[in-house]
Amino acid sequence: MATKKPECAEGMNGQDRALEVTDLYWRLYDEAGDIKPKNISIDTLSRAFAGNEIDRVQVYAFAMHMQALAMAAGGSVS
């Protein structure tokens, strides 16, 4: 049984406002580059993004990381 949600990104890191990506994100990124899937489906955004969904900067940063996954795979993220 999992004790923590499988998040890809957490809230901002202090005052520098940099989105904290998790080890899970980096594993997905590496695998996407190796396997090159046509599509990566992220189940329920609220489970993958633990940041503040009202903060436009955080949401934009998360979207950019999802775009980076798509580019690593040469496919799409949905």
PDB file of N, CA and C in Angstrom:
ATOM      1  N   MET A   1       0.835  -1.170   0.000  1.00  0.00           N
ATOM      2  CA  MET A   1       0.000   0.000   0.000  1.00  0.00           C
ATOM      3  C   MET A   1       0.889   1.245   0.000  1.00  0.00           C
ATOM      4  N   ALA A   2       0.615   2.156  -0.884  1.00  0.00           N
ATOM      5  CA  ALA A   2       1.403   3.381  -0.978  1.00  0.00           C
ATOM      6  C   ALA A   2       1.116   4.294   0.206  1.00  0.00           C
ATOM      7  N   THR A   3       2.168   4.904   0.726  1.00  0.00           N
ATOM      8  CA  THR A   3       1.992   5.817   1.845  1.00  0.00           C
ATOM      9  C   THR A   3       2.005   7.270   1.392  1.00  0.00           C
ATOM     10  N   LYS A   4       2.395   7.529   0.158  1.00  0.00           N
ATOM     11  CA  LYS A   4       2.472   8.895  -0.365  1.00  0.00           C
ATOM     12  C   LYS A   4       1.931   8.909  -1.782  1.00  0.00           C
ATOM     13  N   LYS A   5       1.253   9.986  -2.140  1.00  0.00           N
ATOM     14  CA  LYS A   5       0.748  10.093  -3.506  1.00  0.00           C
ATOM     15  C   LYS A   5       1.911  10.126  -4.489  1.00  0.00           C
ATOM     16  N   PRO A   6       1.758   9.520  -5.664  1.00  0.00           N
ATOM     17  CA  PRO A   6       2.828   9.517  -6.671  1.00  0.00           C
ATOM     18  C   PRO A   6       2.885  10.839  -7.431  1.00  0.00           C
ATOM     19  N   GLU A   7       3.462  11.852  -6.829  1.00  0.00           N
ATOM     20  CA  GLU A   7       3.486  13.176  -7.425  1.00  0.00           C
ATOM     21  C   GLU A   7       4.682  13.349  -8.354  1.00  0.00           C
ATOM     22  N   CYS A   8       4.477  14.105  -9.418  1.00  0.00           N
ATOM     23  CA  CYS A   8       5.554  14.444 -10.342  1.00  0.00           C
ATOM     24  C   CYS A   8       6.165  15.788 -10.012  1.00  0.00           C
ATOM     25  N   ALA A   9       5.386  16.647  -9.376  1.00  0.00           N
ATOM     26  CA  ALA A   9       5.885  17.985  -9.040  1.00  0.00           C
ATOM     27  C   ALA A   9       5.266  18.461  -7.740  1.00  0.00           C
ATOM     28  N   GLU A  10       6.068  19.169  -6.969  1.00  0.00           N
ATOM     29  CA  GLU A  10       5.626  19.722  -5.701  1.00  0.00           C
ATOM     30  C   GLU A  10       5.650  21.236  -5.797  1.00  0.00           C
ATOM     31  N   GLY A  11       5.177  21.897  -4.746  1.00  0.00           N
ATOM     32  CA  GLY A  11       5.103  23.350  -4.726  1.00  0.00           C
ATOM     33  C   GLY A  11       6.451  24.026  -4.882  1.00  0.00           C
ATOM     34  N   MET A  12       6.423  25.327  -4.870  1.00  0.00           N
ATOM     35  CA  MET A  12       7.618  26.123  -5.082  1.00  0.00           C
ATOM     36  C   MET A  12       8.652  25.940  -3.981  1.00  0.00           C
ATOM     37  N   ASN A  13       9.887  26.096  -4.352  1.00  0.00           N
ATOM     38  CA  ASN A  13      11.022  25.943  -3.449  1.00  0.00           C
ATOM     39  C   ASN A  13      11.375  27.309  -2.866  1.00  0.00           C
ATOM     40  N   GLY A  14      10.804  27.626  -1.708  1.00  0.00           N
ATOM     41  CA  GLY A  14      11.134  28.874  -1.025  1.00  0.00           C
ATOM     42  C   GLY A  14      10.848  30.103  -1.858  1.00  0.00           C
ATOM     43  N   GLN A  15      11.733  31.083  -1.805  1.00  0.00           N
ATOM     44  CA  GLN A  15      11.534  32.361  -2.472  1.00  0.00           C
ATOM     45  C   GLN A  15      11.958  32.361  -3.934  1.00  0.00           C
ATOM     46  N   ASP A  16      12.719  31.345  -4.387  1.00  0.00           N
ATOM     47  CA  ASP A  16      13.178  31.370  -5.777  1.00  0.00           C
ATOM     48  C   ASP A  16      12.083  30.986  -6.760  1.00  0.00           C
ATOM     49  N   ARG A  17      10.954  30.502  -6.267  1.00  0.00           N
ATOM     50  CA  ARG A  17       9.768  30.166  -7.057  1.00  0.00           C
ATOM     51  C   ARG A  17      10.042  29.111  -8.126  1.00  0.00           C
ATOM     52  N   ALA A  18      11.016  28.259  -7.897  1.00  0.00           N
ATOM     53  CA  ALA A  18      11.301  27.157  -8.817  1.00  0.00           C
ATOM     54  C   ALA A  18      10.458  25.951  -8.427  1.00  0.00           C
ATOM     55  N   LEU A  19       9.779  25.366  -9.390  1.00  0.00           N
ATOM     56  CA  LEU A  19       8.965  24.187  -9.131  1.00  0.00           C
ATOM     57  C   LEU A  19       9.877  23.021  -8.790  1.00  0.00           C
ATOM     58  N   GLU A  20       9.528  22.288  -7.764  1.00  0.00           N
ATOM     59  CA  GLU A  20      10.313  21.119  -7.365  1.00  0.00           C
ATOM     60  C   GLU A  20       9.759  19.886  -8.073  1.00  0.00           C
ATOM     61  N   VAL A  21      10.537  19.296  -8.962  1.00  0.00           N
ATOM     62  CA  VAL A  21      10.112  18.038  -9.577  1.00  0.00           C
ATOM     63  C   VAL A  21      10.631  16.891  -8.728  1.00  0.00           C
ATOM     64  N   THR A  22       9.910  15.808  -8.732  1.00  0.00           N
ATOM     65  CA  THR A  22      10.236  14.670  -7.878  1.00  0.00           C
ATOM     66  C   THR A  22      11.101  13.653  -8.613  1.00  0.00           C
ATOM     67  N   ASP A  23      11.593  12.692  -7.861  1.00  0.00           N
ATOM     68  CA  ASP A  23      12.357  11.594  -8.468  1.00  0.00           C
ATOM     69  C   ASP A  23      11.500  10.834  -9.479  1.00  0.00           C
ATOM     70  N   LEU A  24      10.206  10.722  -9.207  1.00  0.00           N
ATOM     71  CA  LEU A  24       9.306  10.048 -10.145  1.00  0.00           C
ATOM     72  C   LEU A  24       9.313  10.757 -11.499  1.00  0.00           C
ATOM     73  N   TYR A  25       9.280  12.085 -11.487  1.00  0.00           N
ATOM     74  CA  TYR A  25       9.324  12.829 -12.749  1.00  0.00           C
ATOM     75  C   TYR A  25      10.600  12.501 -13.518  1.00  0.00           C
ATOM     76  N   TRP A  26      11.729  12.531 -12.830  1.00  0.00           N
ATOM     77  CA  TRP A  26      13.000  12.274 -13.517  1.00  0.00           C
ATOM     78  C   TRP A  26      13.077  10.851 -14.047  1.00  0.00           C
ATOM     79  N   ARG A  27      12.482   9.888 -13.338  1.00  0.00           N
ATOM     80  CA  ARG A  27      12.432   8.511 -13.859  1.00  0.00           C
ATOM     81  C   ARG A  27      11.573   8.462 -15.112  1.00  0.00           C
ATOM     82  N   LEU A  28      10.403   9.133 -15.072  1.00  0.00           N
ATOM     83  CA  LEU A  28       9.544   9.181 -16.260  1.00  0.00           C
ATOM     84  C   LEU A  28      10.263   9.835 -17.438  1.00  0.00           C
ATOM     85  N   TYR A  29      10.973  10.920 -17.150  1.00  0.00           N
ATOM     86  CA  TYR A  29      11.706  11.645 -18.191  1.00  0.00           C
ATOM     87  C   TYR A  29      12.766  10.745 -18.838  1.00  0.00           C
ATOM     88  N   ASP A  30      13.523  10.045 -18.013  1.00  0.00           N
ATOM     89  CA  ASP A  30      14.555   9.140 -18.542  1.00  0.00           C
ATOM     90  C   ASP A  30      13.938   8.015 -19.362  1.00  0.00           C
ATOM     91  N   GLU A  31      12.866   7.422 -18.835  1.00  0.00           N
ATOM     92  CA  GLU A  31      12.199   6.323 -19.559  1.00  0.00           C
ATOM     93  C   GLU A  31      11.578   6.812 -20.857  1.00  0.00           C
ATOM     94  N   ALA A  32      11.008   8.012 -20.836  1.00  0.00           N
ATOM     95  CA  ALA A  32      10.414   8.567 -22.062  1.00  0.00           C
ATOM     96  C   ALA A  32      11.472   8.709 -23.145  1.00  0.00           C
ATOM     97  N   GLY A  33      12.655   9.149 -22.752  1.00  0.00           N
ATOM     98  CA  GLY A  33      13.741   9.289 -23.719  1.00  0.00           C
ATOM     99  C   GLY A  33      14.234   7.958 -24.248  1.00  0.00           C
ATOM    100  N   ASP A  34      14.200   6.931 -23.398  1.00  0.00           N
ATOM    101  CA  ASP A  34      14.669   5.604 -23.809  1.00  0.00           C
ATOM    102  C   ASP A  34      13.627   4.845 -24.630  1.00  0.00           C
ATOM    103  N   ILE A  35      12.392   4.841 -24.168  1.00  0.00           N
ATOM    104  CA  ILE A  35      11.334   4.031 -24.788  1.00  0.00           C
ATOM    105  C   ILE A  35      10.691   4.727 -25.988  1.00  0.00           C
ATOM    106  N   LYS A  36      10.583   6.054 -25.943  1.00  0.00           N
ATOM    107  CA  LYS A  36       9.959   6.859 -26.991  1.00  0.00           C
ATOM    108  C   LYS A  36       8.491   6.481 -27.237  1.00  0.00           C
ATOM    109  N   PRO A  37       7.660   6.519 -26.186  1.00  0.00           N
ATOM    110  CA  PRO A  37       6.245   6.206 -26.405  1.00  0.00           C
ATOM    111  C   PRO A  37       5.565   7.307 -27.216  1.00  0.00           C
ATOM    112  N   LYS A  38       4.518   6.948 -27.942  1.00  0.00           N
ATOM    113  CA  LYS A  38       3.788   7.941 -28.724  1.00  0.00           C
ATOM    114  C   LYS A  38       2.970   8.859 -27.812  1.00  0.00           C
ATOM    115  N   ASN A  39       2.510   8.345 -26.678  1.00  0.00           N
ATOM    116  CA  ASN A  39       1.725   9.149 -25.738  1.00  0.00           C
ATOM    117  C   ASN A  39       2.025   8.720 -24.314  1.00  0.00           C
ATOM    118  N   ILE A  40       2.114   9.696 -23.424  1.00  0.00           N
ATOM    119  CA  ILE A  40       2.221   9.450 -21.982  1.00  0.00           C
ATOM    120  C   ILE A  40       0.964  10.037 -21.366  1.00  0.00           C
ATOM    121  N   SER A  41       0.166   9.211 -20.715  1.00  0.00           N
ATOM    122  CA  SER A  41      -1.067   9.679 -20.076  1.00  0.00           C
ATOM    123  C   SER A  41      -0.816   9.869 -18.585  1.00  0.00           C
ATOM    124  N   ILE A  42      -1.063  11.080 -18.103  1.00  0.00           N
ATOM    125  CA  ILE A  42      -0.918  11.393 -16.685  1.00  0.00           C
ATOM    126  C   ILE A  42      -2.312  11.324 -16.074  1.00  0.00           C
ATOM    127  N   ASP A  43      -2.525  10.377 -15.185  1.00  0.00           N
ATOM    128  CA  ASP A  43      -3.821  10.173 -14.561  1.00  0.00           C
ATOM    129  C   ASP A  43      -4.084  11.239 -13.511  1.00  0.00           C
ATOM    130  N   THR A  44      -5.150  11.944 -13.647  1.00  0.00           N
ATOM    131  CA  THR A  44      -5.635  12.924 -12.688  1.00  0.00           C
ATOM    132  C   THR A  44      -4.563  13.928 -12.278  1.00  0.00           C
ATOM    133  N   LEU A  45      -4.628  15.086 -12.861  1.00  0.00           N
ATOM    134  CA  LEU A  45      -3.657  16.146 -12.607  1.00  0.00           C
ATOM    135  C   LEU A  45      -3.469  16.410 -11.117  1.00  0.00           C
ATOM    136  N   SER A  46      -4.551  16.340 -10.342  1.00  0.00           N
ATOM    137  CA  SER A  46      -4.430  16.636  -8.913  1.00  0.00           C
ATOM    138  C   SER A  46      -3.533  15.637  -8.189  1.00  0.00           C
ATOM    139  N   ARG A  47      -3.354  14.456  -8.739  1.00  0.00           N
ATOM    140  CA  ARG A  47      -2.446  13.475  -8.124  1.00  0.00           C
ATOM    141  C   ARG A  47      -1.016  13.675  -8.577  1.00  0.00           C
ATOM    142  N   ALA A  48      -0.815  14.257  -9.739  1.00  0.00           N
ATOM    143  CA  ALA A  48       0.536  14.438 -10.273  1.00  0.00           C
ATOM    144  C   ALA A  48       1.136  15.781  -9.876  1.00  0.00           C
ATOM    145  N   PHE A  49       0.291  16.760  -9.590  1.00  0.00           N
ATOM    146  CA  PHE A  49       0.747  18.114  -9.287  1.00  0.00           C
ATOM    147  C   PHE A  49       0.333  18.484  -7.865  1.00  0.00           C
ATOM    148  N   ALA A  50       1.312  18.587  -6.970  1.00  0.00           N
ATOM    149  CA  ALA A  50       1.018  18.902  -5.576  1.00  0.00           C
ATOM    150  C   ALA A  50       1.208  20.379  -5.263  1.00  0.00           C
ATOM    151  N   GLY A  51       1.380  21.184  -6.299  1.00  0.00           N
ATOM    152  CA  GLY A  51       1.566  22.618  -6.095  1.00  0.00           C
ATOM    153  C   GLY A  51       0.230  23.324  -5.906  1.00  0.00           C
ATOM    154  N   ASN A  52       0.278  24.650  -5.976  1.00  0.00           N
ATOM    155  CA  ASN A  52      -0.901  25.491  -5.825  1.00  0.00           C
ATOM    156  C   ASN A  52      -1.513  25.724  -7.200  1.00  0.00           C
ATOM    157  N   GLU A  53      -2.649  25.099  -7.466  1.00  0.00           N
ATOM    158  CA  GLU A  53      -3.257  25.201  -8.795  1.00  0.00           C
ATOM    159  C   GLU A  53      -3.816  26.592  -9.084  1.00  0.00           C
ATOM    160  N   ILE A  54      -3.890  27.457  -8.091  1.00  0.00           N
ATOM    161  CA  ILE A  54      -4.326  28.838  -8.293  1.00  0.00           C
ATOM    162  C   ILE A  54      -3.148  29.715  -8.750  1.00  0.00           C
ATOM    163  N   ASP A  55      -1.934  29.318  -8.410  1.00  0.00           N
ATOM    164  CA  ASP A  55      -0.728  30.091  -8.754  1.00  0.00           C
ATOM    165  C   ASP A  55      -0.352  29.815 -10.203  1.00  0.00           C
ATOM    166  N   ARG A  56      -0.559  30.803 -11.053  1.00  0.00           N
ATOM    167  CA  ARG A  56      -0.319  30.647 -12.489  1.00  0.00           C
ATOM    168  C   ARG A  56       1.127  30.269 -12.792  1.00  0.00           C
ATOM    169  N   VAL A  57       2.073  30.794 -12.023  1.00  0.00           N
ATOM    170  CA  VAL A  57       3.489  30.485 -12.238  1.00  0.00           C
ATOM    171  C   VAL A  57       3.749  29.002 -12.014  1.00  0.00           C
ATOM    172  N   GLN A  58       3.171  28.445 -10.955  1.00  0.00           N
ATOM    173  CA  GLN A  58       3.360  27.023 -10.669  1.00  0.00           C
ATOM    174  C   GLN A  58       2.715  26.151 -11.736  1.00  0.00           C
ATOM    175  N   VAL A  59       1.517  26.489 -12.145  1.00  0.00           N
ATOM    176  CA  VAL A  59       0.808  25.698 -13.160  1.00  0.00           C
ATOM    177  C   VAL A  59       1.560  25.751 -14.493  1.00  0.00           C
ATOM    178  N   TYR A  60       2.053  26.933 -14.858  1.00  0.00           N
ATOM    179  CA  TYR A  60       2.811  27.078 -16.100  1.00  0.00           C
ATOM    180  C   TYR A  60       4.097  26.243 -16.044  1.00  0.00           C
ATOM    181  N   ALA A  61       4.775  26.280 -14.900  1.00  0.00           N
ATOM    182  CA  ALA A  61       6.012  25.497 -14.749  1.00  0.00           C
ATOM    183  C   ALA A  61       5.714  24.003 -14.882  1.00  0.00           C
ATOM    184  N   PHE A  62       4.615  23.557 -14.288  1.00  0.00           N
ATOM    185  CA  PHE A  62       4.229  22.144 -14.399  1.00  0.00           C
ATOM    186  C   PHE A  62       3.959  21.787 -15.861  1.00  0.00           C
ATOM    187  N   ALA A  63       3.233  22.658 -16.564  1.00  0.00           N
ATOM    188  CA  ALA A  63       2.934  22.400 -17.975  1.00  0.00           C
ATOM    189  C   ALA A  63       4.217  22.323 -18.799  1.00  0.00           C
ATOM    190  N   MET A  64       5.191  23.150 -18.485  1.00  0.00           N
ATOM    191  CA  MET A  64       6.464  23.120 -19.205  1.00  0.00           C
ATOM    192  C   MET A  64       7.212  21.803 -18.952  1.00  0.00           C
ATOM    193  N   HIS A  65       7.116  21.276 -17.739  1.00  0.00           N
ATOM    194  CA  HIS A  65       7.743  19.980 -17.461  1.00  0.00           C
ATOM    195  C   HIS A  65       7.028  18.858 -18.216  1.00  0.00           C
ATOM    196  N   MET A  66       5.714  18.951 -18.352  1.00  0.00           N
ATOM    197  CA  MET A  66       4.983  17.944 -19.124  1.00  0.00           C
ATOM    198  C   MET A  66       5.359  18.056 -20.603  1.00  0.00           C
ATOM    199  N   GLN A  67       5.559  19.282 -21.088  1.00  0.00           N
ATOM    200  CA  GLN A  67       6.007  19.468 -22.468  1.00  0.00           C
ATOM    201  C   GLN A  67       7.401  18.875 -22.669  1.00  0.00           C
ATOM    202  N   ALA A  68       8.264  19.023 -21.669  1.00  0.00           N
ATOM    203  CA  ALA A  68       9.609  18.439 -21.755  1.00  0.00           C
ATOM    204  C   ALA A  68       9.525  16.912 -21.842  1.00  0.00           C
ATOM    205  N   LEU A  69       8.577  16.311 -21.116  1.00  0.00           N
ATOM    206  CA  LEU A  69       8.374  14.854 -21.225  1.00  0.00           C
ATOM    207  C   LEU A  69       7.989  14.480 -22.650  1.00  0.00           C
ATOM    208  N   ALA A  70       7.042  15.235 -23.210  1.00  0.00           N
ATOM    209  CA  ALA A  70       6.594  14.956 -24.578  1.00  0.00           C
ATOM    210  C   ALA A  70       7.753  15.072 -25.563  1.00  0.00           C
ATOM    211  N   MET A  71       8.569  16.091 -25.393  1.00  0.00           N
ATOM    212  CA  MET A  71       9.698  16.289 -26.297  1.00  0.00           C
ATOM    213  C   MET A  71      10.736  15.175 -26.133  1.00  0.00           C
ATOM    214  N   ALA A  72      10.972  14.721 -24.910  1.00  0.00           N
ATOM    215  CA  ALA A  72      11.924  13.630 -24.684  1.00  0.00           C
ATOM    216  C   ALA A  72      11.436  12.351 -25.372  1.00  0.00           C
ATOM    217  N   ALA A  73      10.114  12.155 -25.347  1.00  0.00           N
ATOM    218  CA  ALA A  73       9.548  10.957 -25.945  1.00  0.00           C
ATOM    219  C   ALA A  73       9.371  11.093 -27.462  1.00  0.00           C
ATOM    220  N   GLY A  74       9.313  12.319 -27.935  1.00  0.00           N
ATOM    221  CA  GLY A  74       8.982  12.515 -29.345  1.00  0.00           C
ATOM    222  C   GLY A  74       7.518  12.229 -29.588  1.00  0.00           C
ATOM    223  N   GLY A  75       6.699  12.423 -28.548  1.00  0.00           N
ATOM    224  CA  GLY A  75       5.268  12.138 -28.620  1.00  0.00           C
ATOM    225  C   GLY A  75       4.463  13.213 -27.919  1.00  0.00           C
ATOM    226  N   SER A  76       3.445  12.789 -27.207  1.00  0.00           N
ATOM    227  CA  SER A  76       2.570  13.732 -26.521  1.00  0.00           C
ATOM    228  C   SER A  76       2.345  13.294 -25.079  1.00  0.00           C
ATOM    229  N   VAL A  77       1.860  14.232 -24.274  1.00  0.00           N
ATOM    230  CA  VAL A  77       1.461  13.962 -22.893  1.00  0.00           C
ATOM    231  C   VAL A  77       0.028  14.413 -22.751  1.00  0.00           C
ATOM    232  N   SER A  78      -0.817  13.539 -22.209  1.00  0.00           N
ATOM    233  CA  SER A  78      -2.223  13.907 -21.993  1.00  0.00           C
ATOM    234  C   SER A  78      -2.669  13.484 -20.618  1.00  0.00           C
TER     235      SER A  78
END
